[in-house]
C-alpha atoms as a PDB file:
ATOM      1  CA  MET A   1     149.714  99.548 169.212  1.00  0.00           C
ATOM      2  CA  ILE A   2     151.947 102.323 170.504  1.00  0.00           C
ATOM      3  CA  HIS A   3     154.364 101.870 167.612  1.00  0.00           C
ATOM      4  CA  LEU A   4     151.717 102.007 164.896  1.00  0.00           C
ATOM      5  CA  ARG A   5     150.394 105.430 166.004  1.00  0.00           C
ATOM      6  CA  GLN A   6     148.168 106.969 163.291  1.00  0.00           C
ATOM      7  CA  GLU A   7     148.650 103.991 160.949  1.00  0.00           C
ATOM      8  CA  LEU A   8     146.957 101.628 163.393  1.00  0.00           C
ATOM      9  CA  PRO A   9     144.375  99.457 161.654  1.00  0.00           C
ATOM     10  CA  TYR A  10     141.136  99.860 163.616  1.00  0.00           C
ATOM     11  CA  ALA A  11     140.370  96.127 163.391  1.00  0.00           C
ATOM     12  CA  VAL A  12     143.231  94.342 165.119  1.00  0.00           C
ATOM     13  CA  ALA A  13     143.236  91.549 167.703  1.00  0.00           C
ATOM     14  CA  VAL A  14     145.781  89.201 169.241  1.00  0.00           C
ATOM     15  CA  GLN A  15     145.195  85.503 169.834  1.00  0.00           C
ATOM     16  CA  VAL A  16     147.617  83.357 171.818  1.00  0.00           C
ATOM     17  CA  VAL A  17     147.953  80.170 169.809  1.00  0.00           C
ATOM     18  CA  GLU A  18     150.363  78.274 172.045  1.00  0.00           C
ATOM     19  CA  TRP A  19     151.867  78.687 175.504  1.00  0.00           C
ATOM     20  CA  LYS A  20     154.671  76.324 176.541  1.00  0.00           C
ATOM     21  CA  GLU A  21     156.005  76.401 180.072  1.00  0.00           C
ATOM     22  CA  PRO A  22     159.750  75.730 180.326  1.00  0.00           C
ATOM     23  CA  VAL A  23     160.781  72.125 180.889  1.00  0.00           C
ATOM     24  CA  GLU A  24     164.131  73.062 182.410  1.00  0.00           C
ATOM     25  CA  GLU A  25     165.000  75.723 184.965  1.00  0.00           C
ATOM     26  CA  GLY A  26     166.281  78.919 183.338  1.00  0.00           C
ATOM     27  CA  LYS A  27     164.571  78.271 179.995  1.00  0.00           C
ATOM     28  CA  PRO A  28     162.002  80.791 178.721  1.00  0.00           C
ATOM     29  CA  VAL A  29     158.245  80.448 178.438  1.00  0.00           C
ATOM     30  CA  VAL A  30     157.492  80.090 174.716  1.00  0.00           C
ATOM     31  CA  ILE A  31     154.453  82.034 173.525  1.00  0.00           C
ATOM     32  CA  THR A  32     153.157  81.905 169.966  1.00  0.00           C
ATOM     33  CA  ALA A  33     150.568  84.534 169.054  1.00  0.00           C
ATOM     34  CA  GLU A  34     148.738  85.733 165.978  1.00  0.00           C
ATOM     35  CA  ILE A  35     147.939  89.358 165.313  1.00  0.00           C
ATOM     36  CA  TRP A  36     144.683  89.402 163.364  1.00  0.00           C
ATOM     37  CA  VAL A  37     143.926  92.113 160.822  1.00  0.00           C
ATOM     38  CA  GLU A  38     141.084  92.279 158.298  1.00  0.00           C
ATOM     39  CA  LYS A  39     142.937  93.404 155.159  1.00  0.00           C
ATOM     40  CA  SER A  40     146.267  92.633 153.515  1.00  0.00           C
ATOM     41  CA  GLY A  41     147.061  96.360 153.530  1.00  0.00           C
ATOM     42  CA  HIS A  42     146.746  96.312 157.322  1.00  0.00           C
ATOM     43  CA  ARG A  43     149.090  93.322 157.438  1.00  0.00           C
ATOM     44  CA  ARG A  44     151.736  95.329 155.587  1.00  0.00           C
ATOM     45  CA  ILE A  45     151.359  98.186 158.089  1.00  0.00           C
ATOM     46  CA  VAL A  46     151.799  95.887 161.105  1.00  0.00           C
ATOM     47  CA  ILE A  47     154.787  94.088 159.565  1.00  0.00           C
ATOM     48  CA  GLY A  48     156.422  97.315 158.406  1.00  0.00           C
ATOM     49  CA  SER A  49     159.272  97.849 155.991  1.00  0.00           C
ATOM     50  CA  GLY A  50     161.527  94.810 156.054  1.00  0.00           C
ATOM     51  CA  GLY A  51     159.722  93.500 159.146  1.00  0.00           C
ATOM     52  CA  ALA A  52     160.915  96.420 161.277  1.00  0.00           C
ATOM     53  CA  MET A  53     157.527  97.207 162.833  1.00  0.00           C
ATOM     54  CA  ILE A  54     156.633  93.654 163.881  1.00  0.00           C
ATOM     55  CA  LYS A  55     160.134  93.246 165.283  1.00  0.00           C
ATOM     56  CA  GLU A  56     159.718  96.371 167.416  1.00  0.00           C
ATOM     57  CA  ILE A  57     156.215  95.321 168.517  1.00  0.00           C
ATOM     58  CA  GLY A  58     157.527  91.894 169.536  1.00  0.00           C
ATOM     59  CA  LYS A  59     160.499  93.353 171.375  1.00  0.00           C
ATOM     60  CA  MET A  60     158.344  95.696 173.450  1.00  0.00           C
ATOM     61  CA  ALA A  61     155.673  93.058 174.132  1.00  0.00           C
ATOM     62  CA  ARG A  62     158.308  90.539 175.232  1.00  0.00           C
ATOM     63  CA  LYS A  63     159.848  93.024 177.666  1.00  0.00           C
ATOM     64  CA  GLN A  64     156.444  93.824 179.180  1.00  0.00           C
ATOM     65  CA  LEU A  65     155.583  90.120 179.492  1.00  0.00           C
ATOM     66  CA  GLU A  66     158.907  89.376 181.177  1.00  0.00           C
ATOM     67  CA  LEU A  67     158.346  92.187 183.644  1.00  0.00           C
ATOM     68  CA  PHE A  68     154.820  91.004 184.420  1.00  0.00           C
ATOM     69  CA  MET A  69     155.673  87.289 184.627  1.00  0.00           C
ATOM     70  CA  GLN A  70     159.073  87.712 186.295  1.00  0.00           C
ATOM     71  CA  GLN A  71     160.684  85.190 183.944  1.00  0.00           C
ATOM     72  CA  ARG A  72     162.195  84.997 180.481  1.00  0.00           C
ATOM     73  CA  VAL A  73     159.864  84.854 177.474  1.00  0.00           C
ATOM     74  CA  PHE A  74     160.381  83.808 173.878  1.00  0.00           C
ATOM     75  CA  LEU A  75     157.634  85.473 171.852  1.00  0.00           C
ATOM     76  CA  GLU A  76     156.806  84.418 168.308  1.00  0.00           C
ATOM     77  CA  LEU A  77     154.376  86.659 166.418  1.00  0.00           C
ATOM     78  CA  GLU A  78     152.626  86.154 163.105  1.00  0.00           C
ATOM     79  CA  VAL A  79     150.369  88.663 161.358  1.00  0.00           C
ATOM     80  CA  VAL A  80     147.315  86.942 159.888  1.00  0.00           C
ATOM     81  CA  VAL A  81     144.654  88.342 157.568  1.00  0.00           C
ATOM     82  CA  ARG A  82     141.289  87.122 158.818  1.00  0.00           C
ATOM     83  CA  SER A  83     138.624  88.906 156.790  1.00  0.00           C
ATOM     84  CA  ASP A  84     135.644  90.233 158.718  1.00  0.00           C
ATOM     85  CA  TRP A  85     136.735  88.563 161.973  1.00  0.00           C
ATOM     86  CA  ARG A  86     134.727  91.171 163.917  1.00  0.00           C
ATOM     87  CA  ARG A  87     131.494  89.859 162.348  1.00  0.00           C
ATOM     88  CA  ASP A  88     132.385  86.173 162.646  1.00  0.00           C
ATOM     89  CA  ARG A  89     130.837  84.596 165.772  1.00  0.00           C
ATOM     90  CA  GLU A  90     133.348  81.728 165.789  1.00  0.00           C
ATOM     91  CA  ALA A  91     136.310  84.105 165.503  1.00  0.00           C
ATOM     92  CA  LEU A  92     134.947  86.187 168.383  1.00  0.00           C
ATOM     93  CA  ARG A  93     134.599  83.025 170.494  1.00  0.00           C
ATOM     94  CA  GLU A  94     138.223  82.109 169.703  1.00  0.00           C
ATOM     95  CA  LEU A  95     139.250  85.501 171.055  1.00  0.00           C
ATOM     96  CA  GLY A  96     137.271  84.944 174.244  1.00  0.00           C
ATOM     97  CA  TYR A  97     134.238  87.068 173.413  1.00  0.00           C
ATOM     98  CA  GLU A  98     130.818  85.524 173.792  1.00  0.00           C
ATOM     99  CA  PRO A  99     128.605  87.122 171.121  1.00  0.00           C
END
C-alpha cells in the first residue's frame, strides 16, 4: 500500500491462499497470497510497468514477514480481479469478515 501512494485502488484486499511450513530445517515458509482488486485497471496499477510494482510490494512484504516470524519466507503474490468483492457475502467470508 505504501508503494502505490495516490494510485492506490480503494477496493483492495489480500487473501492467503496457501501456507506451507518448511519440511526441512533452514527452508523457508512458503506463502501464496492473492491481492484482490475490483477492476482490471486497478490490477494494472498494482502490477505496475513490467511487474515492477508487484515485485517491490512482494519484496517489502517478505522482509516484514521475515522480521515478524523470525524465519525465511518465500512469498508468491498474484493480483486477481474479483468484481464487486466488497458486496459479495461469500467473498467477505473468505477474507474473514462475517457480514
